[in-house]
Amino acid sequence: MSTLGYDRSLFMLAFDHRGSFRKDLFGISGTPSPEGHERIADSKRVIYEGFERAVRDGLSAEEAGILVYEEYGSDVARRARAAGSTRAMPVEKSCQPEFDFEFGEEFGEHIEDFDPTFSKVLVRYNPEGDRELNKRQTGRLRKLADWLHERDRKFLYELLVPAEKAQLESVNGDTARYDRELRPELVVKTIQETQDAGVEVDIWKIEGLDRREDCERVAEQARSGGRDRVACIVLGRGASEESCAQWLRNGAGVPGYVGFAIGRTLWWNELKEYVAGDLDRNTAAESIAENYRRMVNLYTAAEREAASASLPR
């Protein structure tokens, strides 16, 4: 497994959102008109312009990256490729409870056309949930992982662990307690089951965890069995900046954690005002750039603090 994994810092500005983006930001249900499609694509370009500004103003181009999808973002993906930027692009169908390929058996053609640094999947998997559903998903994920690694390509796995009814009932319906008390162990178990099924992942994109020791356990499992370069990054979940900041601090400096992939937290308010005509393009892009840089600075500062704390006294 010498080529498996990723051993550099990675700070991703995520805007691969599709159905939720279209509906929640633009109020469009179903297929948009050509005019609606262009408005959505234009808003994606504003986010990318924020990314470009952040890099131009000093953010490491080797550590910065974007997560974008070809629907509404094909021109951005190609611009980023031409610029040599790190890029991740989704393979999965949007807003589906069960993972499946967006383009069916032609998924490989799309990957080769856009040539992303990482091919990304979003998977909802609870190890105590529907076993047949989990088995179907794992089979498709094995097919993708094998295809990618046979071609020396990288695999980024975004894991969501939605609570089962019985699990929520065990914490009296308190989702915060579920996240704190139950989800960490379920994440570890999911990674183990995925590995046991022969699905090899380069980067695990993990929902924010409330305790540093849980980040450590997750990273240890991700790197188990000789997977010494496999990495984890923190997923923002569209949460408040305060919540994201705490999750970043918990992961920063943990061996195996290398950064984050955060989206709505960094651009939602700016795009909402831009779409409404209350914020001009330049100001929106600059504000997104500032938000992005602030999170990168927070993470790197937390890494330094963790490294300092680990030094012998």
Protein backbone atom coordinates (compact mmCIF):
# COMPACT_ATOMS: atom_id res chain seq x y z
CA MET A 1 0.00 0.00 0.00
CA SER A 2 2.96 2.30 -0.52
CA THR A 3 1.06 4.61 -2.87
CA LEU A 4 -2.16 4.65 -0.84
CA GLY A 5 -2.99 7.85 1.02
CA TYR A 6 -2.05 11.50 1.02
CA ASP A 7 0.66 13.05 3.15
CA ARG A 8 0.33 16.81 2.63
CA SER A 9 -1.84 19.42 4.30
CA LEU A 10 -5.13 19.90 2.48
CA PHE A 11 -7.56 22.78 2.96
CA MET A 12 -10.53 22.45 0.64
CA LEU A 13 -13.15 25.08 -0.17
CA ALA A 14 -16.18 22.91 -0.91
CA PHE A 15 -18.95 23.96 -3.27
CA ASP A 16 -19.98 20.72 -4.95
CA HIS A 17 -23.54 21.15 -3.66
CA ARG A 18 -26.23 20.47 -6.25
CA GLY A 19 -29.86 19.82 -5.30
CA SER A 20 -29.68 21.56 -1.95
CA PHE A 21 -27.84 24.52 -3.50
CA ARG A 22 -30.39 24.88 -6.29
CA LYS A 23 -33.40 24.63 -4.00
CA ASP A 24 -32.25 26.41 -0.85
CA LEU A 25 -30.35 29.28 -2.44
CA PHE A 26 -32.37 29.85 -5.60
CA GLY A 27 -35.75 28.31 -4.76
CA ILE A 28 -35.63 26.14 -7.87
CA SER A 29 -37.22 22.70 -7.73
CA GLY A 30 -36.46 20.30 -10.54
CA THR A 31 -34.48 21.14 -13.64
CA PRO A 32 -33.69 24.87 -13.90
CA SER A 33 -34.24 26.89 -17.04
CA PRO A 34 -31.14 27.90 -19.04
CA GLU A 35 -31.29 31.28 -17.28
CA GLY A 36 -31.58 29.60 -13.90
CA HIS A 37 -28.71 27.27 -14.71
CA GLU A 38 -26.48 30.22 -15.57
CA ARG A 39 -27.40 32.06 -12.36
CA ILE A 40 -26.40 28.99 -10.34
CA ALA A 41 -23.17 28.54 -12.33
CA ASP A 42 -22.36 32.22 -11.86
CA SER A 43 -22.67 31.90 -8.09
CA LYS A 44 -20.20 28.98 -8.18
CA ARG A 45 -17.79 31.20 -10.08
CA VAL A 46 -18.03 33.80 -7.32
CA ILE A 47 -16.92 31.18 -4.77
CA TYR A 48 -14.05 30.16 -7.02
CA GLU A 49 -13.02 33.79 -7.39
CA GLY A 50 -12.81 33.89 -3.60
CA PHE A 51 -10.55 30.83 -3.72
CA GLU A 52 -8.32 32.46 -6.33
CA ARG A 53 -8.01 35.58 -4.18
CA ALA A 54 -7.05 33.58 -1.12
CA VAL A 55 -4.26 31.83 -3.04
CA ARG A 56 -3.12 35.05 -4.69
CA ASP A 57 -2.95 36.72 -1.28
CA GLY A 58 -0.62 34.11 0.16
CA LEU A 59 -2.51 30.89 0.91
CA SER A 60 -0.28 27.98 -0.10
CA ALA A 61 -1.30 26.80 -3.57
CA GLU A 62 0.00 23.32 -2.71
CA GLU A 63 -2.23 23.05 0.34
CA ALA A 64 -5.35 24.80 -0.98
CA GLY A 65 -7.99 22.95 -2.98
CA ILE A 66 -11.56 23.04 -4.21
CA LEU A 67 -14.41 20.55 -4.22
CA VAL A 68 -16.71 21.23 -7.18
CA TYR A 69 -19.09 19.29 -9.42
CA GLU A 70 -19.35 19.48 -13.19
CA GLU A 71 -23.05 20.39 -13.13
CA TYR A 72 -22.98 24.19 -12.63
CA GLY A 73 -19.21 24.05 -12.16
CA SER A 74 -17.61 22.55 -15.26
CA ASP A 75 -15.95 25.81 -16.27
CA VAL A 76 -14.60 26.29 -12.73
CA ALA A 77 -13.23 22.73 -12.73
CA ARG A 78 -11.42 23.33 -16.00
CA ARG A 79 -10.07 26.71 -14.86
CA ALA A 80 -8.75 25.12 -11.69
CA ARG A 81 -7.14 22.30 -13.67
CA ALA A 82 -5.45 24.78 -16.01
CA ALA A 83 -4.16 26.65 -12.95
CA GLY A 84 -2.76 23.45 -11.46
CA SER A 85 -5.00 23.65 -8.38
CA THR A 86 -5.89 20.63 -6.28
CA ARG A 87 -9.40 19.51 -7.21
CA ALA A 88 -11.91 16.98 -5.93
CA MET A 89 -15.03 16.10 -7.91
CA PRO A 90 -18.02 13.96 -6.88
CA VAL A 91 -18.94 10.65 -8.46
CA GLU A 92 -22.23 10.03 -6.63
CA LYS A 93 -25.81 10.90 -7.48
CA SER A 94 -26.97 13.96 -5.54
CA CYS A 95 -29.32 13.82 -2.54
CA GLN A 96 -29.73 10.02 -2.58
CA PRO A 97 -29.95 7.92 0.60
CA GLU A 98 -28.03 5.10 -1.14
CA PHE A 99 -24.74 5.64 -2.92
CA ASP A 100 -24.79 5.01 -6.65
CA PHE A 101 -22.85 6.35 -9.62
CA GLU A 102 -24.12 9.58 -11.16
CA PHE A 103 -23.16 8.43 -14.64
CA GLY A 104 -23.62 4.69 -14.25
CA GLU A 105 -21.02 2.61 -16.04
CA GLU A 106 -19.67 5.76 -17.69
CA PHE A 107 -18.32 7.17 -14.43
CA GLY A 108 -14.75 6.56 -15.56
CA GLU A 109 -15.17 8.62 -18.72
CA HIS A 110 -16.15 11.66 -16.68
CA ILE A 111 -13.25 11.20 -14.28
CA GLU A 112 -10.79 10.97 -17.15
CA ASP A 113 -12.34 13.97 -18.90
CA PHE A 114 -11.98 16.33 -15.91
CA ASP A 115 -8.93 14.60 -14.41
CA PRO A 116 -9.50 15.65 -10.76
CA THR A 117 -6.85 15.19 -8.10
CA PHE A 118 -9.42 13.20 -6.08
CA SER A 119 -12.63 11.44 -7.01
CA LYS A 120 -15.04 11.97 -4.13
CA VAL A 121 -18.07 10.07 -2.89
CA LEU A 122 -20.60 11.00 -0.24
CA VAL A 123 -21.91 7.90 1.52
CA ARG A 124 -24.51 7.51 4.25
CA TYR A 125 -23.54 4.39 6.17
CA ASN A 126 -24.53 3.26 9.64
CA PRO A 127 -22.98 -0.10 10.59
CA GLU A 128 -26.05 -0.87 12.71
CA GLY A 129 -28.40 0.02 9.86
CA ASP A 130 -29.75 -1.87 6.83
CA ARG A 131 -27.19 -4.59 6.13
CA GLU A 132 -28.29 -5.21 2.56
CA LEU A 133 -28.11 -1.49 1.74
CA ASN A 134 -24.65 -1.30 3.27
CA LYS A 135 -23.56 -4.35 1.28
CA ARG A 136 -24.80 -2.86 -2.00
CA GLN A 137 -23.03 0.42 -1.31
CA THR A 138 -19.80 -1.30 -0.35
CA GLY A 139 -19.82 -3.32 -3.56
CA ARG A 140 -20.08 -0.17 -5.66
CA LEU A 141 -17.42 1.56 -3.59
CA ARG A 142 -15.04 -1.39 -4.07
CA LYS A 143 -15.58 -1.14 -7.81
CA LEU A 144 -14.75 2.59 -7.75
CA ALA A 145 -11.76 2.27 -5.44
CA ASP A 146 -10.26 -0.51 -7.52
CA TRP A 147 -10.82 1.40 -10.76
CA LEU A 148 -9.16 4.50 -9.35
CA HIS A 149 -6.14 2.80 -7.83
CA GLU A 150 -5.53 0.69 -10.93
CA ARG A 151 -5.06 4.03 -12.70
CA ASP A 152 -3.01 5.65 -9.94
CA ARG A 153 -5.87 7.98 -8.98
CA LYS A 154 -6.90 9.12 -5.51
CA PHE A 155 -10.13 8.32 -3.65
CA LEU A 156 -11.78 10.74 -1.18
CA TYR A 157 -14.61 9.25 0.89
CA GLU A 158 -17.06 11.62 2.64
CA LEU A 159 -18.71 9.61 5.39
CA LEU A 160 -22.02 10.54 6.99
CA VAL A 161 -23.40 8.31 9.76
CA PRO A 162 -27.11 9.12 10.11
CA ALA A 163 -28.66 7.94 13.34
CA GLU A 164 -30.89 4.88 13.36
CA LYS A 165 -34.20 5.22 15.19
CA ALA A 166 -33.12 3.00 18.07
CA GLN A 167 -29.86 4.90 18.45
CA LEU A 168 -31.67 8.22 18.73
CA GLU A 169 -34.14 6.76 21.18
CA SER A 170 -31.24 5.59 23.35
CA VAL A 171 -30.19 9.23 23.82
CA ASN A 172 -33.77 10.52 24.21
CA GLY A 173 -33.81 12.01 20.72
CA ASP A 174 -30.91 14.35 21.51
CA THR A 175 -28.87 14.64 18.30
CA ALA A 176 -26.03 16.40 20.11
CA ARG A 177 -25.71 13.44 22.47
CA TYR A 178 -25.80 11.07 19.50
CA ASP A 179 -22.95 13.00 17.89
CA ARG A 180 -20.93 13.01 21.08
CA GLU A 181 -21.70 9.60 22.62
CA LEU A 182 -22.52 7.23 19.75
CA ARG A 183 -21.33 8.53 16.40
CA PRO A 184 -17.54 8.33 17.05
CA GLU A 185 -17.64 4.57 17.62
CA LEU A 186 -19.92 4.11 14.61
CA VAL A 187 -17.45 6.03 12.44
CA VAL A 188 -14.59 3.77 13.59
CA LYS A 189 -16.69 0.68 12.92
CA THR A 190 -17.72 1.92 9.47
CA ILE A 191 -14.10 2.53 8.48
CA GLN A 192 -13.17 -0.94 9.70
CA GLU A 193 -16.03 -2.59 7.80
CA THR A 194 -15.10 -0.66 4.67
CA GLN A 195 -11.48 -1.75 4.93
CA ASP A 196 -12.47 -5.36 5.63
CA ALA A 197 -14.57 -5.29 2.44
CA GLY A 198 -11.50 -4.36 0.42
CA VAL A 199 -12.42 -0.72 -0.19
CA GLU A 200 -9.19 1.25 0.07
CA VAL A 201 -9.53 4.99 0.70
CA ASP A 202 -6.85 7.68 0.38
CA ILE A 203 -8.64 10.40 2.38
CA TRP A 204 -11.54 10.06 4.80
CA LYS A 205 -13.70 13.16 5.07
CA ILE A 206 -15.09 12.93 8.61
CA GLU A 207 -17.91 14.84 10.28
CA GLY A 208 -16.61 17.06 13.07
CA LEU A 209 -16.01 15.27 16.36
CA ASP A 210 -16.46 16.86 19.76
CA ARG A 211 -13.47 15.22 21.46
CA ARG A 212 -9.87 15.03 20.38
CA GLU A 213 -9.55 11.46 21.58
CA ASP A 214 -12.29 10.48 19.12
CA CYS A 215 -10.31 12.05 16.28
CA GLU A 216 -7.33 9.99 17.40
CA ARG A 217 -9.34 6.75 17.36
CA VAL A 218 -10.74 7.49 13.91
CA ALA A 219 -7.31 8.29 12.47
CA GLU A 220 -5.80 5.17 14.05
CA GLN A 221 -8.43 3.02 12.35
CA ALA A 222 -7.99 4.83 9.04
CA ARG A 223 -4.25 4.07 9.19
CA SER A 224 -4.53 0.53 10.53
CA GLY A 225 -3.08 -2.47 8.76
CA GLY A 226 -0.15 -0.65 7.20
CA ARG A 227 -2.18 2.20 5.71
CA ASP A 228 0.35 4.63 7.11
CA ARG A 229 -0.27 7.50 4.68
CA VAL A 230 -4.08 7.43 4.69
CA ALA A 231 -5.42 10.78 5.86
CA CYS A 232 -8.50 12.30 7.47
CA ILE A 233 -9.95 15.77 6.96
CA VAL A 234 -12.70 17.54 8.87
CA LEU A 235 -16.12 18.00 7.25
CA GLY A 236 -17.89 21.27 8.02
CA ARG A 237 -21.53 20.06 7.89
CA GLY A 238 -22.71 23.60 7.14
CA ALA A 239 -22.40 24.34 10.84
CA SER A 240 -21.65 27.67 12.50
CA GLU A 241 -18.12 29.00 12.30
CA GLU A 242 -17.79 28.49 16.05
CA SER A 243 -18.66 24.79 15.77
CA CYS A 244 -16.36 24.31 12.79
CA ALA A 245 -13.54 26.05 14.62
CA GLN A 246 -13.83 23.66 17.56
CA TRP A 247 -13.89 20.61 15.29
CA LEU A 248 -10.78 21.87 13.52
CA ARG A 249 -8.98 22.38 16.83
CA ASN A 250 -9.90 18.84 17.87
CA GLY A 251 -8.43 17.33 14.70
CA ALA A 252 -5.46 19.61 14.08
CA GLY A 253 -2.20 17.96 15.03
CA VAL A 254 -3.69 14.49 15.42
CA PRO A 255 -1.44 12.09 13.45
CA GLY A 256 -3.41 11.30 10.30
CA TYR A 257 -5.47 14.50 10.21
CA VAL A 258 -4.24 16.83 7.46
CA GLY A 259 -6.89 19.55 7.09
CA PHE A 260 -10.51 20.19 6.23
CA ALA A 261 -13.18 20.49 3.55
CA ILE A 262 -15.64 23.23 4.48
CA GLY A 263 -18.35 24.72 2.32
CA ARG A 264 -21.53 26.56 3.32
CA THR A 265 -20.00 27.90 6.53
CA LEU A 266 -17.58 29.92 4.40
CA TRP A 267 -19.85 31.21 1.63
CA TRP A 268 -23.55 30.81 2.36
CA ASN A 269 -24.25 34.27 3.79
CA GLU A 270 -22.20 36.01 1.10
CA LEU A 271 -23.89 34.15 -1.74
CA LYS A 272 -27.33 34.70 -0.28
CA GLU A 273 -26.72 38.45 -0.31
CA TYR A 274 -25.11 38.33 -3.75
CA VAL A 275 -28.05 36.42 -5.25
CA ALA A 276 -30.47 38.88 -3.66
CA GLY A 277 -28.54 41.80 -5.17
CA ASP A 278 -27.49 43.14 -1.76
CA LEU A 279 -23.78 42.45 -2.21
CA ASP A 280 -21.62 43.11 -5.24
CA ARG A 281 -19.48 40.40 -6.81
CA ASN A 282 -16.13 41.80 -5.74
CA THR A 283 -17.15 42.20 -2.10
CA ALA A 284 -18.71 38.73 -2.00
CA ALA A 285 -15.58 37.07 -3.40
CA GLU A 286 -13.30 39.00 -1.05
CA SER A 287 -15.40 38.08 1.98
CA ILE A 288 -15.36 34.39 1.00
CA ALA A 289 -11.59 34.59 0.61
CA GLU A 290 -11.28 36.11 4.09
CA ASN A 291 -13.49 33.40 5.60
CA TYR A 292 -11.44 30.68 3.93
CA ARG A 293 -8.08 32.14 4.99
CA ARG A 294 -9.34 32.55 8.55
CA MET A 295 -10.16 28.83 8.80
CA VAL A 296 -6.81 27.82 7.33
CA ASN A 297 -5.01 30.09 9.79
CA LEU A 298 -7.03 28.66 12.67
CA TYR A 299 -6.17 25.09 11.69
CA THR A 300 -2.46 25.73 11.21
CA ALA A 301 -2.27 27.63 14.50
CA ALA A 302 -3.94 24.72 16.27
CA GLU A 303 -1.44 22.34 14.65
CA ARG A 304 1.46 24.40 15.96
CA GLU A 305 -0.08 24.51 19.41
CA ALA A 306 -0.54 20.73 19.42
CA ALA A 307 3.03 20.17 18.27
CA SER A 308 4.33 22.52 21.00
CA ALA A 309 2.27 20.75 23.66
CA SER A 310 3.74 17.39 22.67
CA LEU A 311 7.36 18.49 23.11
CA PRO A 312 9.12 17.19 26.23
CA ARG A 313 9.26 19.69 29.08
